[in-house]
Amino acid sequence: MALTAFATAAELAAAIQQPDLDATTADLALASASAVIRAWTRQTISRVTDDVVTLRAIDRCELVLPQRPVVSVSQVRVNSLVLSDWVRSGDRLLRTGGWTHLPGTTTYPDPGLVEVTYTHGWDEIPDEVRAVCLDLAAMTVTNPGGLREVAIDDYRRVFASETLGAGTLSEAHKAMLGGYRRRIGTVGLR
């Protein structure tokens, strides 16, 4: 599934004040920037309807869906059995009897996999995500060679160090995207 970029070529052209920006170049830079953001946040961010994910039931009563925000859950299945005795709480599915026992059985069928069909992501890309996307794409378009400076005769153009290493997130970018990042394997400390 090809995901759309978090900003448009017209927005990038406006951001870098270059109205004649080649659309192919802009689209490639925006797609790359969006991919970098998705990889770091571990989130699709864009709205995805009826996404199917298979999860291992580890926790007894709680199943955590990997993509946020969860908009709706349309189906939960284990093997061929469709379950309806669950409740959604944010990005989690809860079952009073737990995920280890199914109606009419005494144990959970091996290997303990639950298939969930759900809709997730933002309808409109959040402003912080769009801003980081445009910033990364602008770095790529305005300084594609990653040069520190360009000098020809008495003309000299020096790039700020922030524009070097285009395609990578700075600490400021990471701080802006921190709320969208999915934590993996977090442990609560007392």
N, C-alpha and C. Protein backbone atom coordinates (compact mmCIF):
# COMPACT_ATOMS: atom_id res chain seq x y z
N MET A 1 0.85 -1.17 0.00
CA MET A 1 0.00 0.00 0.00
C MET A 1 0.89 1.24 0.00
N ALA A 2 0.73 2.06 -1.00
CA ALA A 2 1.49 3.30 -1.10
C ALA A 2 0.82 4.36 -0.23
N LEU A 3 1.58 4.88 0.70
CA LEU A 3 1.06 5.91 1.59
C LEU A 3 1.37 7.29 1.01
N THR A 4 0.48 8.22 1.26
CA THR A 4 0.68 9.59 0.76
C THR A 4 1.65 10.34 1.67
N ALA A 5 2.30 11.33 1.09
CA ALA A 5 3.24 12.17 1.84
C ALA A 5 2.45 13.06 2.79
N PHE A 6 3.15 13.55 3.81
CA PHE A 6 2.51 14.39 4.83
C PHE A 6 2.32 15.83 4.40
N ALA A 7 2.83 16.22 3.24
CA ALA A 7 2.67 17.57 2.71
C ALA A 7 2.63 17.48 1.19
N THR A 8 2.24 18.56 0.55
CA THR A 8 2.14 18.57 -0.91
C THR A 8 3.32 19.31 -1.54
N ALA A 9 3.49 19.09 -2.83
CA ALA A 9 4.55 19.78 -3.57
C ALA A 9 4.34 21.30 -3.53
N ALA A 10 3.08 21.73 -3.59
CA ALA A 10 2.78 23.16 -3.54
C ALA A 10 3.18 23.75 -2.18
N GLU A 11 2.93 23.00 -1.11
CA GLU A 11 3.33 23.47 0.22
C GLU A 11 4.85 23.57 0.35
N LEU A 12 5.56 22.60 -0.23
CA LEU A 12 7.02 22.63 -0.19
C LEU A 12 7.55 23.81 -1.00
N ALA A 13 6.99 24.04 -2.18
CA ALA A 13 7.41 25.17 -3.02
C ALA A 13 7.19 26.49 -2.28
N ALA A 14 6.08 26.61 -1.58
CA ALA A 14 5.80 27.82 -0.81
C ALA A 14 6.76 27.96 0.36
N ALA A 15 7.06 26.84 1.03
CA ALA A 15 7.93 26.87 2.20
C ALA A 15 9.35 27.31 1.84
N ILE A 16 9.84 26.89 0.68
CA ILE A 16 11.20 27.26 0.30
C ILE A 16 11.21 28.46 -0.66
N GLN A 17 10.03 29.03 -0.90
CA GLN A 17 9.87 30.21 -1.75
C GLN A 17 10.48 29.99 -3.13
N GLN A 18 10.09 28.85 -3.72
CA GLN A 18 10.58 28.49 -5.05
C GLN A 18 9.38 27.99 -5.85
N PRO A 19 8.57 28.92 -6.41
CA PRO A 19 7.34 28.54 -7.09
C PRO A 19 7.53 27.63 -8.30
N ASP A 20 8.73 27.64 -8.90
CA ASP A 20 8.97 26.81 -10.08
C ASP A 20 9.62 25.47 -9.72
N LEU A 21 9.47 25.03 -8.51
CA LEU A 21 10.05 23.76 -8.05
C LEU A 21 9.49 22.61 -8.87
N ASP A 22 10.38 21.75 -9.37
CA ASP A 22 9.99 20.59 -10.16
C ASP A 22 9.13 19.66 -9.29
N ALA A 23 7.95 19.30 -9.79
CA ALA A 23 7.00 18.49 -9.02
C ALA A 23 7.55 17.10 -8.70
N THR A 24 8.28 16.49 -9.60
CA THR A 24 8.84 15.16 -9.36
C THR A 24 9.86 15.21 -8.23
N THR A 25 10.72 16.23 -8.25
CA THR A 25 11.72 16.41 -7.20
C THR A 25 11.03 16.63 -5.85
N ALA A 26 10.01 17.48 -5.85
CA ALA A 26 9.27 17.77 -4.61
C ALA A 26 8.59 16.53 -4.08
N ASP A 27 7.92 15.78 -4.96
CA ASP A 27 7.22 14.57 -4.52
C ASP A 27 8.19 13.54 -3.94
N LEU A 28 9.35 13.38 -4.56
CA LEU A 28 10.34 12.43 -4.05
C LEU A 28 10.87 12.86 -2.68
N ALA A 29 11.18 14.15 -2.54
CA ALA A 29 11.69 14.66 -1.27
C ALA A 29 10.63 14.51 -0.16
N LEU A 30 9.38 14.79 -0.47
CA LEU A 30 8.29 14.67 0.52
C LEU A 30 8.02 13.21 0.88
N ALA A 31 8.07 12.31 -0.10
CA ALA A 31 7.87 10.88 0.17
C ALA A 31 9.00 10.36 1.06
N SER A 32 10.23 10.77 0.78
CA SER A 32 11.37 10.34 1.60
C SER A 32 11.26 10.88 3.02
N ALA A 33 10.90 12.16 3.15
CA ALA A 33 10.76 12.76 4.47
C ALA A 33 9.64 12.07 5.26
N SER A 34 8.54 11.77 4.60
CA SER A 34 7.43 11.08 5.27
C SER A 34 7.86 9.69 5.72
N ALA A 35 8.65 8.99 4.90
CA ALA A 35 9.14 7.66 5.27
C ALA A 35 10.05 7.72 6.49
N VAL A 36 10.90 8.74 6.56
CA VAL A 36 11.79 8.91 7.71
C VAL A 36 10.96 9.12 8.97
N ILE A 37 9.93 9.95 8.89
CA ILE A 37 9.06 10.22 10.04
C ILE A 37 8.32 8.96 10.46
N ARG A 38 7.77 8.23 9.50
CA ARG A 38 7.06 6.99 9.83
C ARG A 38 7.98 5.97 10.49
N ALA A 39 9.19 5.86 9.99
CA ALA A 39 10.15 4.91 10.56
C ALA A 39 10.49 5.28 12.00
N TRP A 40 10.72 6.57 12.25
CA TRP A 40 11.12 6.97 13.61
C TRP A 40 9.94 6.86 14.58
N THR A 41 8.75 7.25 14.15
CA THR A 41 7.59 7.21 15.06
C THR A 41 7.01 5.80 15.20
N ARG A 42 7.34 4.92 14.24
CA ARG A 42 6.77 3.57 14.19
C ARG A 42 5.25 3.65 14.03
N GLN A 43 4.80 4.67 13.32
CA GLN A 43 3.38 4.90 13.10
C GLN A 43 3.13 5.26 11.64
N THR A 44 1.97 4.87 11.13
CA THR A 44 1.56 5.22 9.78
C THR A 44 1.15 6.69 9.73
N ILE A 45 0.51 7.17 10.77
CA ILE A 45 0.02 8.54 10.98
C ILE A 45 -1.16 8.86 10.07
N SER A 46 -1.08 8.61 8.77
CA SER A 46 -2.20 8.85 7.85
C SER A 46 -3.34 7.90 8.18
N ARG A 47 -4.55 8.29 7.82
CA ARG A 47 -5.73 7.45 8.06
C ARG A 47 -5.65 6.19 7.20
N VAL A 48 -5.84 5.04 7.83
CA VAL A 48 -5.89 3.75 7.14
C VAL A 48 -7.19 3.08 7.57
N THR A 49 -8.03 2.75 6.61
CA THR A 49 -9.33 2.15 6.88
C THR A 49 -9.25 0.64 6.70
N ASP A 50 -9.84 -0.08 7.66
CA ASP A 50 -9.91 -1.54 7.63
C ASP A 50 -8.55 -2.20 7.48
N ASP A 51 -7.59 -1.74 8.26
CA ASP A 51 -6.27 -2.36 8.32
C ASP A 51 -6.41 -3.67 9.10
N VAL A 52 -5.77 -4.72 8.65
CA VAL A 52 -5.84 -6.01 9.34
C VAL A 52 -4.48 -6.29 9.96
N VAL A 53 -4.48 -6.55 11.25
CA VAL A 53 -3.25 -6.85 11.97
C VAL A 53 -3.45 -8.13 12.78
N THR A 54 -2.42 -8.95 12.84
CA THR A 54 -2.47 -10.17 13.64
C THR A 54 -1.54 -9.97 14.82
N LEU A 55 -2.10 -10.11 16.02
CA LEU A 55 -1.35 -9.86 17.25
C LEU A 55 -1.32 -11.12 18.12
N ARG A 56 -0.23 -11.28 18.84
CA ARG A 56 -0.14 -12.38 19.80
C ARG A 56 -0.74 -11.91 21.12
N ALA A 57 -1.63 -12.72 21.67
CA ALA A 57 -2.26 -12.39 22.95
C ALA A 57 -1.28 -12.74 24.06
N ILE A 58 -0.62 -11.73 24.60
CA ILE A 58 0.36 -11.94 25.67
C ILE A 58 -0.27 -11.62 27.02
N ASP A 59 -0.89 -10.46 27.11
CA ASP A 59 -1.54 -10.05 28.35
C ASP A 59 -2.86 -10.79 28.49
N ARG A 60 -3.21 -11.14 29.69
CA ARG A 60 -4.42 -11.92 29.94
C ARG A 60 -5.70 -11.19 29.50
N CYS A 61 -5.83 -9.91 29.80
CA CYS A 61 -7.10 -9.21 29.53
C CYS A 61 -6.99 -8.07 28.52
N GLU A 62 -5.79 -7.73 28.09
CA GLU A 62 -5.61 -6.53 27.29
C GLU A 62 -4.82 -6.84 26.02
N LEU A 63 -5.30 -6.31 24.91
CA LEU A 63 -4.63 -6.45 23.62
C LEU A 63 -4.35 -5.04 23.11
N VAL A 64 -3.08 -4.69 22.90
CA VAL A 64 -2.70 -3.35 22.48
C VAL A 64 -2.58 -3.30 20.96
N LEU A 65 -3.34 -2.39 20.34
CA LEU A 65 -3.28 -2.21 18.90
C LEU A 65 -2.08 -1.33 18.57
N PRO A 66 -1.32 -1.67 17.53
CA PRO A 66 -0.05 -0.99 17.29
C PRO A 66 -0.13 0.41 16.71
N GLN A 67 -1.18 0.76 15.98
CA GLN A 67 -1.26 2.08 15.34
C GLN A 67 -2.24 2.98 16.09
N ARG A 68 -1.89 4.27 16.19
CA ARG A 68 -2.73 5.23 16.87
C ARG A 68 -3.03 6.40 15.94
N PRO A 69 -4.02 7.19 16.23
CA PRO A 69 -5.13 6.87 17.13
C PRO A 69 -6.05 5.84 16.50
N VAL A 70 -6.63 5.03 17.34
CA VAL A 70 -7.59 4.04 16.87
C VAL A 70 -8.92 4.75 16.70
N VAL A 71 -9.48 4.69 15.50
CA VAL A 71 -10.74 5.34 15.20
C VAL A 71 -11.90 4.38 15.46
N SER A 72 -11.76 3.15 14.97
CA SER A 72 -12.80 2.14 15.17
C SER A 72 -12.21 0.75 14.96
N VAL A 73 -12.89 -0.24 15.54
CA VAL A 73 -12.54 -1.65 15.35
C VAL A 73 -13.77 -2.32 14.76
N SER A 74 -13.61 -2.95 13.61
CA SER A 74 -14.77 -3.55 12.95
C SER A 74 -14.87 -5.05 13.17
N GLN A 75 -13.73 -5.72 13.44
CA GLN A 75 -13.81 -7.16 13.66
C GLN A 75 -12.61 -7.67 14.45
N VAL A 76 -12.89 -8.65 15.32
CA VAL A 76 -11.85 -9.34 16.08
C VAL A 76 -12.09 -10.82 15.89
N ARG A 77 -11.04 -11.53 15.40
CA ARG A 77 -11.19 -12.95 15.12
C ARG A 77 -10.04 -13.74 15.71
N VAL A 78 -10.36 -14.96 16.13
CA VAL A 78 -9.36 -15.94 16.50
C VAL A 78 -9.70 -17.17 15.69
N ASN A 79 -8.75 -17.57 14.82
CA ASN A 79 -9.02 -18.64 13.85
C ASN A 79 -10.27 -18.24 13.08
N SER A 80 -11.33 -19.03 13.07
CA SER A 80 -12.54 -18.67 12.33
C SER A 80 -13.62 -18.08 13.24
N LEU A 81 -13.33 -17.98 14.53
CA LEU A 81 -14.30 -17.49 15.51
C LEU A 81 -14.25 -15.97 15.61
N VAL A 82 -15.38 -15.30 15.32
CA VAL A 82 -15.48 -13.85 15.45
C VAL A 82 -15.92 -13.53 16.88
N LEU A 83 -15.15 -12.72 17.56
CA LEU A 83 -15.46 -12.36 18.95
C LEU A 83 -16.19 -11.03 19.00
N SER A 84 -17.16 -10.94 19.89
CA SER A 84 -17.88 -9.68 20.06
C SER A 84 -17.91 -9.25 21.53
N ASP A 85 -17.28 -10.02 22.41
CA ASP A 85 -17.32 -9.72 23.85
C ASP A 85 -16.08 -8.95 24.30
N TRP A 86 -15.69 -7.94 23.56
CA TRP A 86 -14.55 -7.10 23.89
C TRP A 86 -15.01 -5.64 23.94
N VAL A 87 -14.21 -4.81 24.57
CA VAL A 87 -14.48 -3.38 24.68
C VAL A 87 -13.21 -2.65 24.28
N ARG A 88 -13.38 -1.59 23.49
CA ARG A 88 -12.21 -0.78 23.12
C ARG A 88 -12.03 0.34 24.12
N SER A 89 -10.79 0.51 24.55
CA SER A 89 -10.42 1.61 25.44
C SER A 89 -9.18 2.26 24.85
N GLY A 90 -9.37 3.34 24.09
CA GLY A 90 -8.23 3.99 23.43
C GLY A 90 -7.65 3.08 22.37
N ASP A 91 -6.37 2.71 22.55
CA ASP A 91 -5.71 1.83 21.59
C ASP A 91 -5.63 0.39 22.11
N ARG A 92 -6.51 0.05 23.05
CA ARG A 92 -6.50 -1.29 23.65
C ARG A 92 -7.87 -1.96 23.52
N LEU A 93 -7.82 -3.28 23.38
CA LEU A 93 -9.04 -4.09 23.40
C LEU A 93 -9.02 -4.90 24.68
N LEU A 94 -10.14 -4.82 25.42
CA LEU A 94 -10.24 -5.49 26.71
C LEU A 94 -11.32 -6.57 26.65
N ARG A 95 -11.04 -7.69 27.30
CA ARG A 95 -12.03 -8.77 27.42
C ARG A 95 -12.09 -9.19 28.87
N THR A 96 -13.29 -9.22 29.43
CA THR A 96 -13.45 -9.59 30.83
C THR A 96 -12.90 -10.98 31.10
N GLY A 97 -13.19 -11.92 30.24
CA GLY A 97 -12.69 -13.29 30.42
C GLY A 97 -11.25 -13.46 30.01
N GLY A 98 -10.64 -12.40 29.48
CA GLY A 98 -9.26 -12.48 29.03
C GLY A 98 -9.16 -13.02 27.61
N TRP A 99 -7.99 -12.90 27.06
CA TRP A 99 -7.72 -13.36 25.70
C TRP A 99 -7.26 -14.80 25.66
N THR A 100 -7.11 -15.42 26.83
CA THR A 100 -6.61 -16.80 26.87
C THR A 100 -7.72 -17.84 26.80
N HIS A 101 -8.97 -17.43 26.96
CA HIS A 101 -10.10 -18.38 26.89
C HIS A 101 -11.14 -17.87 25.89
N LEU A 102 -11.62 -18.78 25.07
CA LEU A 102 -12.63 -18.43 24.09
C LEU A 102 -13.96 -19.06 24.46
N PRO A 103 -15.07 -18.46 24.03
CA PRO A 103 -16.38 -19.05 24.32
C PRO A 103 -16.45 -20.49 23.81
N GLY A 104 -16.89 -21.39 24.67
CA GLY A 104 -17.05 -22.79 24.29
C GLY A 104 -15.78 -23.61 24.32
N THR A 105 -14.65 -23.01 24.76
CA THR A 105 -13.40 -23.76 24.86
C THR A 105 -12.83 -23.59 26.26
N THR A 106 -11.89 -24.42 26.60
CA THR A 106 -11.24 -24.30 27.91
C THR A 106 -9.88 -23.63 27.81
N THR A 107 -9.28 -23.66 26.63
CA THR A 107 -7.97 -23.02 26.46
C THR A 107 -7.94 -22.23 25.17
N TYR A 108 -6.97 -21.38 25.08
CA TYR A 108 -6.77 -20.56 23.89
C TYR A 108 -6.08 -21.39 22.82
N PRO A 109 -6.57 -21.36 21.59
CA PRO A 109 -5.93 -22.14 20.53
C PRO A 109 -4.51 -21.64 20.25
N ASP A 110 -3.61 -22.57 20.12
CA ASP A 110 -2.23 -22.24 19.81
C ASP A 110 -2.16 -21.66 18.40
N PRO A 111 -1.39 -20.67 18.06
CA PRO A 111 -0.33 -20.04 18.83
C PRO A 111 -0.76 -18.78 19.58
N GLY A 112 -2.04 -18.56 19.82
CA GLY A 112 -2.48 -17.38 20.57
C GLY A 112 -2.50 -16.12 19.74
N LEU A 113 -2.96 -16.22 18.49
CA LEU A 113 -2.99 -15.07 17.60
C LEU A 113 -4.41 -14.53 17.45
N VAL A 114 -4.52 -13.21 17.49
CA VAL A 114 -5.80 -12.53 17.35
C VAL A 114 -5.70 -11.63 16.12
N GLU A 115 -6.67 -11.74 15.22
CA GLU A 115 -6.71 -10.91 14.02
C GLU A 115 -7.71 -9.78 14.25
N VAL A 116 -7.24 -8.55 14.10
CA VAL A 116 -8.07 -7.38 14.35
C VAL A 116 -8.14 -6.55 13.06
N THR A 117 -9.35 -6.17 12.68
CA THR A 117 -9.57 -5.26 11.56
C THR A 117 -9.99 -3.92 12.16
N TYR A 118 -9.18 -2.89 11.89
CA TYR A 118 -9.49 -1.59 12.51
C TYR A 118 -9.06 -0.43 11.63
N THR A 119 -9.60 0.74 11.95
CA THR A 119 -9.28 1.98 11.26
C THR A 119 -8.48 2.84 12.24
N HIS A 120 -7.38 3.41 11.73
CA HIS A 120 -6.49 4.19 12.60
C HIS A 120 -5.87 5.35 11.84
N GLY A 121 -5.30 6.27 12.57
CA GLY A 121 -4.59 7.40 11.98
C GLY A 121 -5.42 8.67 11.97
N TRP A 122 -4.78 9.75 11.57
CA TRP A 122 -5.43 11.06 11.53
C TRP A 122 -6.01 11.32 10.15
N ASP A 123 -7.20 11.91 10.13
CA ASP A 123 -7.81 12.31 8.88
C ASP A 123 -7.02 13.45 8.26
N GLU A 124 -6.63 14.41 9.07
CA GLU A 124 -5.76 15.51 8.65
C GLU A 124 -4.42 15.33 9.33
N ILE A 125 -3.35 15.49 8.60
CA ILE A 125 -2.01 15.32 9.16
C ILE A 125 -1.79 16.42 10.21
N PRO A 126 -1.34 16.03 11.41
CA PRO A 126 -1.09 17.03 12.46
C PRO A 126 -0.03 18.05 12.01
N ASP A 127 -0.19 19.28 12.49
CA ASP A 127 0.70 20.38 12.09
C ASP A 127 2.17 20.08 12.36
N GLU A 128 2.49 19.47 13.51
CA GLU A 128 3.88 19.18 13.85
C GLU A 128 4.49 18.22 12.84
N VAL A 129 3.73 17.21 12.46
CA VAL A 129 4.20 16.22 11.49
C VAL A 129 4.43 16.86 10.14
N ARG A 130 3.49 17.69 9.70
CA ARG A 130 3.64 18.40 8.42
C ARG A 130 4.87 19.32 8.46
N ALA A 131 5.08 20.02 9.56
CA ALA A 131 6.22 20.94 9.68
C ALA A 131 7.54 20.20 9.57
N VAL A 132 7.67 19.08 10.25
CA VAL A 132 8.91 18.30 10.18
C VAL A 132 9.11 17.75 8.77
N CYS A 133 8.05 17.28 8.16
CA CYS A 133 8.12 16.76 6.79
C CYS A 133 8.62 17.84 5.83
N LEU A 134 8.04 19.02 5.91
CA LEU A 134 8.45 20.12 5.04
C LEU A 134 9.89 20.53 5.31
N ASP A 135 10.31 20.52 6.57
CA ASP A 135 11.67 20.89 6.92
C ASP A 135 12.67 19.88 6.33
N LEU A 136 12.40 18.59 6.50
CA LEU A 136 13.29 17.57 5.95
C LEU A 136 13.35 17.65 4.42
N ALA A 137 12.19 17.79 3.80
CA ALA A 137 12.13 17.88 2.33
C ALA A 137 12.85 19.13 1.84
N ALA A 138 12.69 20.24 2.55
CA ALA A 138 13.36 21.49 2.16
C ALA A 138 14.88 21.32 2.22
N MET A 139 15.38 20.62 3.24
CA MET A 139 16.82 20.38 3.34
C MET A 139 17.31 19.58 2.13
N THR A 140 16.53 18.59 1.73
CA THR A 140 16.91 17.74 0.60
C THR A 140 16.90 18.52 -0.71
N VAL A 141 15.88 19.35 -0.89
CA VAL A 141 15.73 20.08 -2.16
C VAL A 141 16.72 21.24 -2.27
N THR A 142 16.94 21.97 -1.19
CA THR A 142 17.79 23.16 -1.27
C THR A 142 19.28 22.82 -1.21
N ASN A 143 19.62 21.66 -0.63
CA ASN A 143 21.03 21.28 -0.53
C ASN A 143 21.16 19.78 -0.78
N PRO A 144 20.83 19.32 -1.99
CA PRO A 144 20.80 17.88 -2.27
C PRO A 144 22.15 17.20 -2.11
N GLY A 145 23.23 17.93 -2.31
CA GLY A 145 24.56 17.32 -2.18
C GLY A 145 25.10 17.34 -0.76
N GLY A 146 24.37 17.96 0.16
CA GLY A 146 24.83 18.04 1.54
C GLY A 146 26.11 18.86 1.68
N LEU A 147 26.22 19.91 0.88
CA LEU A 147 27.42 20.73 0.88
C LEU A 147 27.44 21.69 2.07
N ARG A 148 28.64 21.99 2.54
CA ARG A 148 28.78 22.99 3.60
C ARG A 148 28.80 24.40 3.00
N GLU A 149 29.44 24.52 1.84
CA GLU A 149 29.44 25.82 1.17
C GLU A 149 29.75 25.65 -0.31
N VAL A 150 29.32 26.64 -1.08
CA VAL A 150 29.57 26.69 -2.51
C VAL A 150 30.24 28.03 -2.78
N ALA A 151 31.37 27.99 -3.52
CA ALA A 151 32.08 29.24 -3.83
C ALA A 151 32.47 29.23 -5.30
N ILE A 152 32.10 30.30 -6.00
CA ILE A 152 32.50 30.50 -7.39
C ILE A 152 32.98 31.93 -7.51
N ASP A 153 34.23 32.08 -7.84
CA ASP A 153 34.87 33.40 -7.92
C ASP A 153 34.61 34.15 -6.61
N ASP A 154 33.94 35.31 -6.68
CA ASP A 154 33.70 36.08 -5.45
C ASP A 154 32.32 35.80 -4.84
N TYR A 155 31.58 34.81 -5.41
CA TYR A 155 30.27 34.42 -4.85
C TYR A 155 30.50 33.28 -3.87
N ARG A 156 29.87 33.37 -2.71
CA ARG A 156 29.99 32.32 -1.70
C ARG A 156 28.63 32.11 -1.05
N ARG A 157 28.21 30.85 -0.95
CA ARG A 157 26.96 30.48 -0.27
C ARG A 157 27.30 29.45 0.78
N VAL A 158 27.01 29.76 2.04
CA VAL A 158 27.31 28.87 3.16
C VAL A 158 26.00 28.35 3.73
N PHE A 159 25.93 27.03 3.90
CA PHE A 159 24.72 26.40 4.45
C PHE A 159 24.87 26.26 5.95
N ALA A 160 23.76 26.44 6.66
CA ALA A 160 23.76 26.24 8.11
C ALA A 160 24.00 24.77 8.40
N SER A 161 24.62 24.48 9.51
CA SER A 161 24.92 23.08 9.84
C SER A 161 23.65 22.26 9.99
N GLU A 162 22.51 22.90 10.30
CA GLU A 162 21.25 22.19 10.44
C GLU A 162 20.76 21.61 9.12
N THR A 163 21.24 22.15 7.99
CA THR A 163 20.78 21.64 6.69
C THR A 163 21.66 20.52 6.18
N LEU A 164 22.71 20.20 6.90
CA LEU A 164 23.57 19.09 6.49
C LEU A 164 22.96 17.79 6.96
N GLY A 165 23.23 16.73 6.25
CA GLY A 165 22.67 15.43 6.63
C GLY A 165 21.19 15.37 6.36
N ALA A 166 20.76 15.93 5.23
CA ALA A 166 19.35 15.93 4.87
C ALA A 166 18.80 14.51 4.92
N GLY A 167 17.57 14.39 5.36
CA GLY A 167 16.95 13.07 5.46
C GLY A 167 17.08 12.46 6.83
N THR A 168 17.70 13.17 7.76
CA THR A 168 17.80 12.67 9.13
C THR A 168 17.11 13.64 10.07
N LEU A 169 16.54 13.10 11.11
CA LEU A 169 15.83 13.92 12.08
C LEU A 169 16.81 14.54 13.08
N SER A 170 16.67 15.82 13.32
CA SER A 170 17.46 16.49 14.35
C SER A 170 16.80 16.23 15.71
N GLU A 171 17.46 16.62 16.76
CA GLU A 171 16.88 16.49 18.10
C GLU A 171 15.62 17.34 18.23
N ALA A 172 15.60 18.51 17.56
CA ALA A 172 14.41 19.36 17.58
C ALA A 172 13.24 18.67 16.88
N HIS A 173 13.52 18.01 15.75
CA HIS A 173 12.48 17.26 15.05
C HIS A 173 11.94 16.15 15.94
N LYS A 174 12.84 15.41 16.57
CA LYS A 174 12.43 14.30 17.44
C LYS A 174 11.57 14.80 18.60
N ALA A 175 11.91 15.97 19.14
CA ALA A 175 11.10 16.54 20.23
C ALA A 175 9.70 16.87 19.72
N MET A 176 9.60 17.40 18.51
CA MET A 176 8.29 17.73 17.94
C MET A 176 7.45 16.49 17.68
N LEU A 177 8.10 15.40 17.29
CA LEU A 177 7.39 14.17 16.94
C LEU A 177 7.24 13.20 18.11
N GLY A 178 7.82 13.53 19.24
CA GLY A 178 7.83 12.62 20.39
C GLY A 178 6.47 12.09 20.80
N GLY A 179 5.45 12.92 20.74
CA GLY A 179 4.10 12.49 21.13
C GLY A 179 3.45 11.51 20.16
N TYR A 180 4.01 11.39 18.97
CA TYR A 180 3.46 10.48 17.97
C TYR A 180 4.20 9.14 17.93
N ARG A 181 5.32 9.06 18.63
CA ARG A 181 6.16 7.87 18.57
C ARG A 181 5.57 6.75 19.44
N ARG A 182 5.53 5.57 18.87
CA ARG A 182 5.05 4.39 19.59
C ARG A 182 6.22 3.78 20.34
N ARG A 183 6.06 3.62 21.64
CA ARG A 183 7.10 3.01 22.45
C ARG A 183 7.05 1.50 22.26
N ILE A 184 8.20 0.87 22.26
CA ILE A 184 8.28 -0.58 22.14
C ILE A 184 8.97 -1.13 23.38
N GLY A 185 8.34 -2.09 24.01
CA GLY A 185 8.97 -2.76 25.15
C GLY A 185 9.23 -1.86 26.33
N THR A 186 8.33 -0.96 26.62
CA THR A 186 8.54 -0.07 27.76
C THR A 186 8.31 -0.81 29.05
N VAL A 187 9.04 -0.42 30.07
CA VAL A 187 8.92 -1.02 31.39
C VAL A 187 8.61 0.09 32.38
N GLY A 188 7.59 -0.11 33.18
CA GLY A 188 7.25 0.88 34.20
C GLY A 188 8.19 0.77 35.38
N LEU A 189 8.69 1.92 35.86
CA LEU A 189 9.58 1.94 37.00
C LEU A 189 8.87 2.58 38.18
N ARG A 190 9.24 2.15 39.37
CA ARG A 190 8.63 2.73 40.58
C ARG A 190 9.49 3.82 41.12
